[in-house]
Amino acid sequence: MTMNRDYSAHQQKIIKRYYDNREQIDQQKLSELATELYLASGKKLEKLWTSAEETMRRMKVPESRIAHVVAKRDPALVAEVVKDVESGKIGGK
């Protein structure tokens, strides 16, 4: 359900900047998730894996790689994805 809202010019600029920088935001988030995955346990760990999977999809990581990373549940593989994104091997404009 979408709502038509009248945003002020200031709010519109904030929203635009957010979406203009979404790639960098997702890259930073995935990097932080890699660290958190090493330290978490229990229910929090499951939520982090779900979040990592969603973030990788938004970053246009190949579906086969996402499936591999999530199946292995190895935070080091998430860190590898981050490294590949930073080097330009994945995603990009």
PDB file of N, CA and C in Angstrom:
ATOM      1  N   MET A   1       0.840  -1.167   0.000  1.00  0.00           N
ATOM      2  CA  MET A   1       0.000   0.000   0.000  1.00  0.00           C
ATOM      3  C   MET A   1       0.891   1.238   0.000  1.00  0.00           C
ATOM      4  N   THR A   2       0.719   2.084  -0.955  1.00  0.00           N
ATOM      5  CA  THR A   2       1.494   3.316  -0.985  1.00  0.00           C
ATOM      6  C   THR A   2       0.598   4.470  -0.601  1.00  0.00           C
ATOM      7  N   MET A   3       1.191   5.401   0.079  1.00  0.00           N
ATOM      8  CA  MET A   3       0.440   6.572   0.501  1.00  0.00           C
ATOM      9  C   MET A   3       1.001   7.779  -0.226  1.00  0.00           C
ATOM     10  N   ASN A   4       0.105   8.585  -0.746  1.00  0.00           N
ATOM     11  CA  ASN A   4       0.541   9.843  -1.352  1.00  0.00           C
ATOM     12  C   ASN A   4       0.728  10.839  -0.223  1.00  0.00           C
ATOM     13  N   ARG A   5       1.950  11.307  -0.093  1.00  0.00           N
ATOM     14  CA  ARG A   5       2.242  12.262   0.968  1.00  0.00           C
ATOM     15  C   ARG A   5       2.862  13.489   0.339  1.00  0.00           C
ATOM     16  N   ASP A   6       2.569  14.594   0.948  1.00  0.00           N
ATOM     17  CA  ASP A   6       3.189  15.842   0.526  1.00  0.00           C
ATOM     18  C   ASP A   6       4.391  16.086   1.420  1.00  0.00           C
ATOM     19  N   TYR A   7       5.569  15.912   0.854  1.00  0.00           N
ATOM     20  CA  TYR A   7       6.792  16.135   1.605  1.00  0.00           C
ATOM     21  C   TYR A   7       7.270  17.556   1.362  1.00  0.00           C
ATOM     22  N   SER A   8       7.841  18.139   2.393  1.00  0.00           N
ATOM     23  CA  SER A   8       8.411  19.476   2.227  1.00  0.00           C
ATOM     24  C   SER A   8       9.643  19.368   1.326  1.00  0.00           C
ATOM     25  N   ALA A   9      10.098  20.488   0.828  1.00  0.00           N
ATOM     26  CA  ALA A   9      11.288  20.492  -0.029  1.00  0.00           C
ATOM     27  C   ALA A   9      12.474  19.911   0.726  1.00  0.00           C
ATOM     28  N   HIS A  10      12.587  20.231   1.996  1.00  0.00           N
ATOM     29  CA  HIS A  10      13.681  19.714   2.828  1.00  0.00           C
ATOM     30  C   HIS A  10      13.605  18.190   2.929  1.00  0.00           C
ATOM     31  N   GLN A  11      12.411  17.653   3.183  1.00  0.00           N
ATOM     32  CA  GLN A  11      12.232  16.205   3.281  1.00  0.00           C
ATOM     33  C   GLN A  11      12.529  15.526   1.951  1.00  0.00           C
ATOM     34  N   GLN A  12      12.112  16.153   0.855  1.00  0.00           N
ATOM     35  CA  GLN A  12      12.376  15.595  -0.468  1.00  0.00           C
ATOM     36  C   GLN A  12      13.869  15.496  -0.743  1.00  0.00           C
ATOM     37  N   LYS A  13      14.626  16.508  -0.323  1.00  0.00           N
ATOM     38  CA  LYS A  13      16.082  16.480  -0.506  1.00  0.00           C
ATOM     39  C   LYS A  13      16.714  15.358   0.302  1.00  0.00           C
ATOM     40  N   ILE A  14      16.249  15.164   1.531  1.00  0.00           N
ATOM     41  CA  ILE A  14      16.775  14.088   2.382  1.00  0.00           C
ATOM     42  C   ILE A  14      16.500  12.731   1.744  1.00  0.00           C
ATOM     43  N   ILE A  15      15.280  12.534   1.276  1.00  0.00           N
ATOM     44  CA  ILE A  15      14.902  11.265   0.642  1.00  0.00           C
ATOM     45  C   ILE A  15      15.739  11.037  -0.615  1.00  0.00           C
ATOM     46  N   LYS A  16      15.914  12.060  -1.424  1.00  0.00           N
ATOM     47  CA  LYS A  16      16.714  11.940  -2.644  1.00  0.00           C
ATOM     48  C   LYS A  16      18.157  11.569  -2.327  1.00  0.00           C
ATOM     49  N   ARG A  17      18.751  12.233  -1.334  1.00  0.00           N
ATOM     50  CA  ARG A  17      20.141  11.921  -0.955  1.00  0.00           C
ATOM     51  C   ARG A  17      20.267  10.482  -0.455  1.00  0.00           C
ATOM     52  N   TYR A  18      19.258  10.021   0.285  1.00  0.00           N
ATOM     53  CA  TYR A  18      19.281   8.641   0.766  1.00  0.00           C
ATOM     54  C   TYR A  18      19.356   7.673  -0.413  1.00  0.00           C
ATOM     55  N   TYR A  19      18.472   7.846  -1.390  1.00  0.00           N
ATOM     56  CA  TYR A  19      18.460   6.928  -2.525  1.00  0.00           C
ATOM     57  C   TYR A  19      19.661   7.124  -3.442  1.00  0.00           C
ATOM     58  N   ASP A  20      20.184   8.335  -3.523  1.00  0.00           N
ATOM     59  CA  ASP A  20      21.399   8.577  -4.301  1.00  0.00           C
ATOM     60  C   ASP A  20      22.593   7.835  -3.703  1.00  0.00           C
ATOM     61  N   ASN A  21      22.581   7.643  -2.397  1.00  0.00           N
ATOM     62  CA  ASN A  21      23.706   7.004  -1.697  1.00  0.00           C
ATOM     63  C   ASN A  21      23.382   5.596  -1.221  1.00  0.00           C
ATOM     64  N   ARG A  22      22.323   5.007  -1.742  1.00  0.00           N
ATOM     65  CA  ARG A  22      21.870   3.693  -1.277  1.00  0.00           C
ATOM     66  C   ARG A  22      22.949   2.620  -1.432  1.00  0.00           C
ATOM     67  N   GLU A  23      23.688   2.654  -2.531  1.00  0.00           N
ATOM     68  CA  GLU A  23      24.748   1.659  -2.753  1.00  0.00           C
ATOM     69  C   GLU A  23      25.783   1.680  -1.640  1.00  0.00           C
ATOM     70  N   GLN A  24      26.255   2.876  -1.312  1.00  0.00           N
ATOM     71  CA  GLN A  24      27.265   3.011  -0.261  1.00  0.00           C
ATOM     72  C   GLN A  24      26.690   2.625   1.096  1.00  0.00           C
ATOM     73  N   ILE A  25      25.431   2.973   1.331  1.00  0.00           N
ATOM     74  CA  ILE A  25      24.773   2.619   2.591  1.00  0.00           C
ATOM     75  C   ILE A  25      24.698   1.101   2.719  1.00  0.00           C
ATOM     76  N   ASP A  26      24.277   0.421   1.645  1.00  0.00           N
ATOM     77  CA  ASP A  26      24.181  -1.041   1.674  1.00  0.00           C
ATOM     78  C   ASP A  26      25.553  -1.689   1.831  1.00  0.00           C
ATOM     79  N   GLN A  27      26.556  -1.138   1.189  1.00  0.00           N
ATOM     80  CA  GLN A  27      27.911  -1.682   1.315  1.00  0.00           C
ATOM     81  C   GLN A  27      28.388  -1.579   2.762  1.00  0.00           C
ATOM     82  N   GLN A  28      28.161  -0.435   3.380  1.00  0.00           N
ATOM     83  CA  GLN A  28      28.549  -0.241   4.779  1.00  0.00           C
ATOM     84  C   GLN A  28      27.761  -1.184   5.683  1.00  0.00           C
ATOM     85  N   LYS A  29      26.467  -1.330   5.402  1.00  0.00           N
ATOM     86  CA  LYS A  29      25.626  -2.209   6.217  1.00  0.00           C
ATOM     87  C   LYS A  29      26.108  -3.648   6.128  1.00  0.00           C
ATOM     88  N   LEU A  30      26.427  -4.120   4.926  1.00  0.00           N
ATOM     89  CA  LEU A  30      26.886  -5.497   4.766  1.00  0.00           C
ATOM     90  C   LEU A  30      28.212  -5.705   5.481  1.00  0.00           C
ATOM     91  N   SER A  31      29.075  -4.717   5.439  1.00  0.00           N
ATOM     92  CA  SER A  31      30.346  -4.794   6.149  1.00  0.00           C
ATOM     93  C   SER A  31      30.120  -4.929   7.657  1.00  0.00           C
ATOM     94  N   GLU A  32      29.202  -4.142   8.177  1.00  0.00           N
ATOM     95  CA  GLU A  32      28.883  -4.219   9.606  1.00  0.00           C
ATOM     96  C   GLU A  32      28.223  -5.550   9.955  1.00  0.00           C
ATOM     97  N   LEU A  33      27.377  -6.044   9.060  1.00  0.00           N
ATOM     98  CA  LEU A  33      26.727  -7.329   9.287  1.00  0.00           C
ATOM     99  C   LEU A  33      27.750  -8.466   9.355  1.00  0.00           C
ATOM    100  N   ALA A  34      28.775  -8.397   8.522  1.00  0.00           N
ATOM    101  CA  ALA A  34      29.812  -9.431   8.537  1.00  0.00           C
ATOM    102  C   ALA A  34      30.441  -9.507   9.921  1.00  0.00           C
ATOM    103  N   THR A  35      30.719  -8.366  10.518  1.00  0.00           N
ATOM    104  CA  THR A  35      31.300  -8.332  11.859  1.00  0.00           C
ATOM    105  C   THR A  35      30.319  -8.868  12.886  1.00  0.00           C
ATOM    106  N   GLU A  36      29.072  -8.418  12.798  1.00  0.00           N
ATOM    107  CA  GLU A  36      28.062  -8.842  13.762  1.00  0.00           C
ATOM    108  C   GLU A  36      27.792 -10.337  13.683  1.00  0.00           C
ATOM    109  N   LEU A  37      27.881 -10.909  12.479  1.00  0.00           N
ATOM    110  CA  LEU A  37      27.631 -12.346  12.320  1.00  0.00           C
ATOM    111  C   LEU A  37      28.655 -13.186  13.085  1.00  0.00           C
ATOM    112  N   TYR A  38      29.880 -12.690  13.197  1.00  0.00           N
ATOM    113  CA  TYR A  38      30.901 -13.407  13.957  1.00  0.00           C
ATOM    114  C   TYR A  38      30.552 -13.460  15.441  1.00  0.00           C
ATOM    115  N   LEU A  39      29.884 -12.422  15.925  1.00  0.00           N
ATOM    116  CA  LEU A  39      29.677 -12.264  17.364  1.00  0.00           C
ATOM    117  C   LEU A  39      28.314 -12.716  17.872  1.00  0.00           C
ATOM    118  N   ALA A  40      27.339 -12.831  16.989  1.00  0.00           N
ATOM    119  CA  ALA A  40      25.956 -13.095  17.404  1.00  0.00           C
ATOM    120  C   ALA A  40      25.687 -14.582  17.597  1.00  0.00           C
ATOM    121  N   SER A  41      24.571 -14.846  18.291  1.00  0.00           N
ATOM    122  CA  SER A  41      24.107 -16.221  18.452  1.00  0.00           C
ATOM    123  C   SER A  41      22.592 -16.207  18.618  1.00  0.00           C
ATOM    124  N   GLY A  42      21.989 -17.384  18.500  1.00  0.00           N
ATOM    125  CA  GLY A  42      20.558 -17.525  18.721  1.00  0.00           C
ATOM    126  C   GLY A  42      19.699 -16.814  17.698  1.00  0.00           C
ATOM    127  N   LYS A  43      18.592 -16.238  18.200  1.00  0.00           N
ATOM    128  CA  LYS A  43      17.625 -15.577  17.321  1.00  0.00           C
ATOM    129  C   LYS A  43      18.246 -14.387  16.599  1.00  0.00           C
ATOM    130  N   LYS A  44      19.131 -13.684  17.279  1.00  0.00           N
ATOM    131  CA  LYS A  44      19.758 -12.522  16.656  1.00  0.00           C
ATOM    132  C   LYS A  44      20.564 -12.951  15.428  1.00  0.00           C
ATOM    133  N   LEU A  45      21.228 -14.095  15.531  1.00  0.00           N
ATOM    134  CA  LEU A  45      22.019 -14.601  14.409  1.00  0.00           C
ATOM    135  C   LEU A  45      21.136 -14.846  13.190  1.00  0.00           C
ATOM    136  N   GLU A  46      19.964 -15.424  13.407  1.00  0.00           N
ATOM    137  CA  GLU A  46      19.042 -15.687  12.297  1.00  0.00           C
ATOM    138  C   GLU A  46      18.578 -14.388  11.649  1.00  0.00           C
ATOM    139  N   LYS A  47      18.276 -13.385  12.458  1.00  0.00           N
ATOM    140  CA  LYS A  47      17.852 -12.085  11.921  1.00  0.00           C
ATOM    141  C   LYS A  47      18.976 -11.446  11.109  1.00  0.00           C
ATOM    142  N   LEU A  48      20.199 -11.578  11.585  1.00  0.00           N
ATOM    143  CA  LEU A  48      21.343 -11.000  10.879  1.00  0.00           C
ATOM    144  C   LEU A  48      21.551 -11.680   9.527  1.00  0.00           C
ATOM    145  N   TRP A  49      21.393 -12.992   9.484  1.00  0.00           N
ATOM    146  CA  TRP A  49      21.538 -13.700   8.208  1.00  0.00           C
ATOM    147  C   TRP A  49      20.460 -13.269   7.222  1.00  0.00           C
ATOM    148  N   THR A  50      19.237 -13.093   7.720  1.00  0.00           N
ATOM    149  CA  THR A  50      18.146 -12.622   6.864  1.00  0.00           C
ATOM    150  C   THR A  50      18.465 -11.232   6.323  1.00  0.00           C
ATOM    151  N   SER A  51      18.951 -10.372   7.187  1.00  0.00           N
ATOM    152  CA  SER A  51      19.304  -9.009   6.786  1.00  0.00           C
ATOM    153  C   SER A  51      20.453  -9.014   5.774  1.00  0.00           C
ATOM    154  N   ALA A  52      21.445  -9.868   5.987  1.00  0.00           N
ATOM    155  CA  ALA A  52      22.572  -9.966   5.066  1.00  0.00           C
ATOM    156  C   ALA A  52      22.093 -10.438   3.689  1.00  0.00           C
ATOM    157  N   GLU A  53      21.187 -11.412   3.686  1.00  0.00           N
ATOM    158  CA  GLU A  53      20.649 -11.923   2.417  1.00  0.00           C
ATOM    159  C   GLU A  53      19.898 -10.820   1.668  1.00  0.00           C
ATOM    160  N   GLU A  54      19.050 -10.074   2.363  1.00  0.00           N
ATOM    161  CA  GLU A  54      18.292  -8.983   1.735  1.00  0.00           C
ATOM    162  C   GLU A  54      19.232  -7.898   1.202  1.00  0.00           C
ATOM    163  N   THR A  55      20.248  -7.579   1.984  1.00  0.00           N
ATOM    164  CA  THR A  55      21.196  -6.533   1.574  1.00  0.00           C
ATOM    165  C   THR A  55      21.966  -6.966   0.335  1.00  0.00           C
ATOM    166  N   MET A  56      22.406  -8.219   0.297  1.00  0.00           N
ATOM    167  CA  MET A  56      23.132  -8.708  -0.880  1.00  0.00           C
ATOM    168  C   MET A  56      22.244  -8.673  -2.120  1.00  0.00           C
ATOM    169  N   ARG A  57      20.950  -8.980  -1.961  1.00  0.00           N
ATOM    170  CA  ARG A  57      20.031  -8.916  -3.106  1.00  0.00           C
ATOM    171  C   ARG A  57      19.924  -7.493  -3.631  1.00  0.00           C
ATOM    172  N   ARG A  58      19.783  -6.533  -2.706  1.00  0.00           N
ATOM    173  CA  ARG A  58      19.696  -5.123  -3.121  1.00  0.00           C
ATOM    174  C   ARG A  58      20.965  -4.677  -3.824  1.00  0.00           C
ATOM    175  N   MET A  59      22.095  -5.278  -3.430  1.00  0.00           N
ATOM    176  CA  MET A  59      23.386  -4.916  -4.017  1.00  0.00           C
ATOM    177  C   MET A  59      23.633  -5.650  -5.332  1.00  0.00           C
ATOM    178  N   LYS A  60      22.665  -6.456  -5.746  1.00  0.00           N
ATOM    179  CA  LYS A  60      22.740  -7.199  -7.004  1.00  0.00           C
ATOM    180  C   LYS A  60      23.877  -8.226  -7.030  1.00  0.00           C
ATOM    181  N   VAL A  61      24.112  -8.844  -5.873  1.00  0.00           N
ATOM    182  CA  VAL A  61      25.046  -9.967  -5.817  1.00  0.00           C
ATOM    183  C   VAL A  61      24.350 -11.124  -6.540  1.00  0.00           C
ATOM    184  N   PRO A  62      25.069 -11.885  -7.362  1.00  0.00           N
ATOM    185  CA  PRO A  62      24.441 -13.002  -8.081  1.00  0.00           C
ATOM    186  C   PRO A  62      23.709 -13.949  -7.127  1.00  0.00           C
ATOM    187  N   GLU A  63      22.527 -14.371  -7.545  1.00  0.00           N
ATOM    188  CA  GLU A  63      21.671 -15.223  -6.725  1.00  0.00           C
ATOM    189  C   GLU A  63      22.384 -16.503  -6.283  1.00  0.00           C
ATOM    190  N   SER A  64      23.196 -17.070  -7.162  1.00  0.00           N
ATOM    191  CA  SER A  64      23.912 -18.308  -6.821  1.00  0.00           C
ATOM    192  C   SER A  64      24.899 -18.064  -5.680  1.00  0.00           C
ATOM    193  N   ARG A  65      25.524 -16.899  -5.686  1.00  0.00           N
ATOM    194  CA  ARG A  65      26.483 -16.579  -4.618  1.00  0.00           C
ATOM    195  C   ARG A  65      25.750 -16.330  -3.307  1.00  0.00           C
ATOM    196  N   ILE A  66      24.618 -15.654  -3.369  1.00  0.00           N
ATOM    197  CA  ILE A  66      23.830 -15.423  -2.154  1.00  0.00           C
ATOM    198  C   ILE A  66      23.428 -16.760  -1.548  1.00  0.00           C
ATOM    199  N   ALA A  67      22.937 -17.668  -2.392  1.00  0.00           N
ATOM    200  CA  ALA A  67      22.506 -18.984  -1.911  1.00  0.00           C
ATOM    201  C   ALA A  67      23.665 -19.727  -1.253  1.00  0.00           C
ATOM    202  N   HIS A  68      24.848 -19.653  -1.862  1.00  0.00           N
ATOM    203  CA  HIS A  68      26.027 -20.322  -1.315  1.00  0.00           C
ATOM    204  C   HIS A  68      26.406 -19.741   0.051  1.00  0.00           C
ATOM    205  N   VAL A  69      26.444 -18.424   0.140  1.00  0.00           N
ATOM    206  CA  VAL A  69      26.839 -17.752   1.392  1.00  0.00           C
ATOM    207  C   VAL A  69      25.845 -18.093   2.498  1.00  0.00           C
ATOM    208  N   VAL A  70      24.558 -18.009   2.177  1.00  0.00           N
ATOM    209  CA  VAL A  70      23.530 -18.263   3.194  1.00  0.00           C
ATOM    210  C   VAL A  70      23.516 -19.741   3.599  1.00  0.00           C
ATOM    211  N   ALA A  71      23.730 -20.638   2.648  1.00  0.00           N
ATOM    212  CA  ALA A  71      23.733 -22.068   2.960  1.00  0.00           C
ATOM    213  C   ALA A  71      24.907 -22.432   3.872  1.00  0.00           C
ATOM    214  N   LYS A  72      26.068 -21.848   3.618  1.00  0.00           N
ATOM    215  CA  LYS A  72      27.257 -22.147   4.423  1.00  0.00           C
ATOM    216  C   LYS A  72      27.225 -21.489   5.794  1.00  0.00           C
ATOM    217  N   ARG A  73      26.496 -20.355   5.889  1.00  0.00           N
ATOM    218  CA  ARG A  73      26.406 -19.614   7.162  1.00  0.00           C
ATOM    219  C   ARG A  73      27.794 -19.284   7.727  1.00  0.00           C
ATOM    220  N   ASP A  74      28.677 -18.862   6.834  1.00  0.00           N
ATOM    221  CA  ASP A  74      30.044 -18.519   7.227  1.00  0.00           C
ATOM    222  C   ASP A  74      30.250 -17.012   7.075  1.00  0.00           C
ATOM    223  N   PRO A  75      30.445 -16.290   8.185  1.00  0.00           N
ATOM    224  CA  PRO A  75      30.646 -14.845   8.107  1.00  0.00           C
ATOM    225  C   PRO A  75      31.837 -14.446   7.220  1.00  0.00           C
ATOM    226  N   ALA A  76      32.813 -15.313   7.098  1.00  0.00           N
ATOM    227  CA  ALA A  76      33.968 -15.022   6.248  1.00  0.00           C
ATOM    228  C   ALA A  76      33.543 -14.881   4.788  1.00  0.00           C
ATOM    229  N   LEU A  77      32.526 -15.623   4.384  1.00  0.00           N
ATOM    230  CA  LEU A  77      32.029 -15.515   3.011  1.00  0.00           C
ATOM    231  C   LEU A  77      31.336 -14.167   2.791  1.00  0.00           C
ATOM    232  N   VAL A  78      30.679 -13.657   3.818  1.00  0.00           N
ATOM    233  CA  VAL A  78      30.063 -12.331   3.720  1.00  0.00           C
ATOM    234  C   VAL A  78      31.170 -11.290   3.574  1.00  0.00           C
ATOM    235  N   ALA A  79      32.229 -11.457   4.341  1.00  0.00           N
ATOM    236  CA  ALA A  79      33.369 -10.533   4.253  1.00  0.00           C
ATOM    237  C   ALA A  79      33.979 -10.579   2.849  1.00  0.00           C
ATOM    238  N   GLU A  80      34.018 -11.744   2.226  1.00  0.00           N
ATOM    239  CA  GLU A  80      34.520 -11.877   0.853  1.00  0.00           C
ATOM    240  C   GLU A  80      33.639 -11.102  -0.127  1.00  0.00           C
ATOM    241  N   VAL A  81      32.322 -11.178   0.086  1.00  0.00           N
ATOM    242  CA  VAL A  81      31.392 -10.430  -0.770  1.00  0.00           C
ATOM    243  C   VAL A  81      31.673  -8.936  -0.631  1.00  0.00           C
ATOM    244  N   VAL A  82      31.852  -8.476   0.602  1.00  0.00           N
ATOM    245  CA  VAL A  82      32.153  -7.060   0.847  1.00  0.00           C
ATOM    246  C   VAL A  82      33.430  -6.668   0.106  1.00  0.00           C
ATOM    247  N   LYS A  83      34.447  -7.505   0.210  1.00  0.00           N
ATOM    248  CA  LYS A  83      35.718  -7.240  -0.464  1.00  0.00           C
ATOM    249  C   LYS A  83      35.531  -7.147  -1.970  1.00  0.00           C
ATOM    250  N   ASP A  84      34.742  -8.057  -2.540  1.00  0.00           N
ATOM    251  CA  ASP A  84      34.496  -8.060  -3.977  1.00  0.00           C
ATOM    252  C   ASP A  84      33.705  -6.816  -4.409  1.00  0.00           C
ATOM    253  N   VAL A  85      32.772  -6.391  -3.583  1.00  0.00           N
ATOM    254  CA  VAL A  85      32.001  -5.184  -3.886  1.00  0.00           C
ATOM    255  C   VAL A  85      32.926  -3.969  -3.863  1.00  0.00           C
ATOM    256  N   GLU A  86      33.778  -3.892  -2.858  1.00  0.00           N
ATOM    257  CA  GLU A  86      34.702  -2.760  -2.747  1.00  0.00           C
ATOM    258  C   GLU A  86      35.675  -2.700  -3.910  1.00  0.00           C
ATOM    259  N   SER A  87      36.064  -3.862  -4.426  1.00  0.00           N
ATOM    260  CA  SER A  87      36.993  -3.886  -5.545  1.00  0.00           C
ATOM    261  C   SER A  87      36.296  -3.718  -6.899  1.00  0.00           C
ATOM    262  N   GLY A  88      34.968  -3.686  -6.882  1.00  0.00           N
ATOM    263  CA  GLY A  88      34.211  -3.469  -8.115  1.00  0.00           C
ATOM    264  C   GLY A  88      33.859  -4.730  -8.870  1.00  0.00           C
ATOM    265  N   LYS A  89      34.125  -5.889  -8.292  1.00  0.00           N
ATOM    266  CA  LYS A  89      33.827  -7.147  -8.989  1.00  0.00           C
ATOM    267  C   LYS A  89      32.312  -7.462  -8.986  1.00  0.00           C
ATOM    268  N   ILE A  90      31.595  -6.903  -8.002  1.00  0.00           N
ATOM    269  CA  ILE A  90      30.158  -7.158  -7.869  1.00  0.00           C
ATOM    270  C   ILE A  90      29.445  -5.825  -7.796  1.00  0.00           C
ATOM    271  N   GLY A  91      28.230  -5.806  -8.345  1.00  0.00           N
ATOM    272  CA  GLY A  91      27.408  -4.593  -8.241  1.00  0.00           C
ATOM    273  C   GLY A  91      27.946  -3.496  -9.122  1.00  0.00           C
ATOM    274  N   GLY A  92      27.807  -2.299  -8.640  1.00  0.00           N
ATOM    275  CA  GLY A  92      28.312  -1.168  -9.397  1.00  0.00           C
ATOM    276  C   GLY A  92      27.249  -0.542 -10.260  1.00  0.00           C
ATOM    277  N   LYS A  93      27.655   0.505 -10.935  1.00  0.00           N
ATOM    278  CA  LYS A  93      26.694   1.295 -11.719  1.00  0.00           C
ATOM    279  C   LYS A  93      26.719   0.909 -13.158  1.00  0.00           C
TER     280      LYS A  93
END
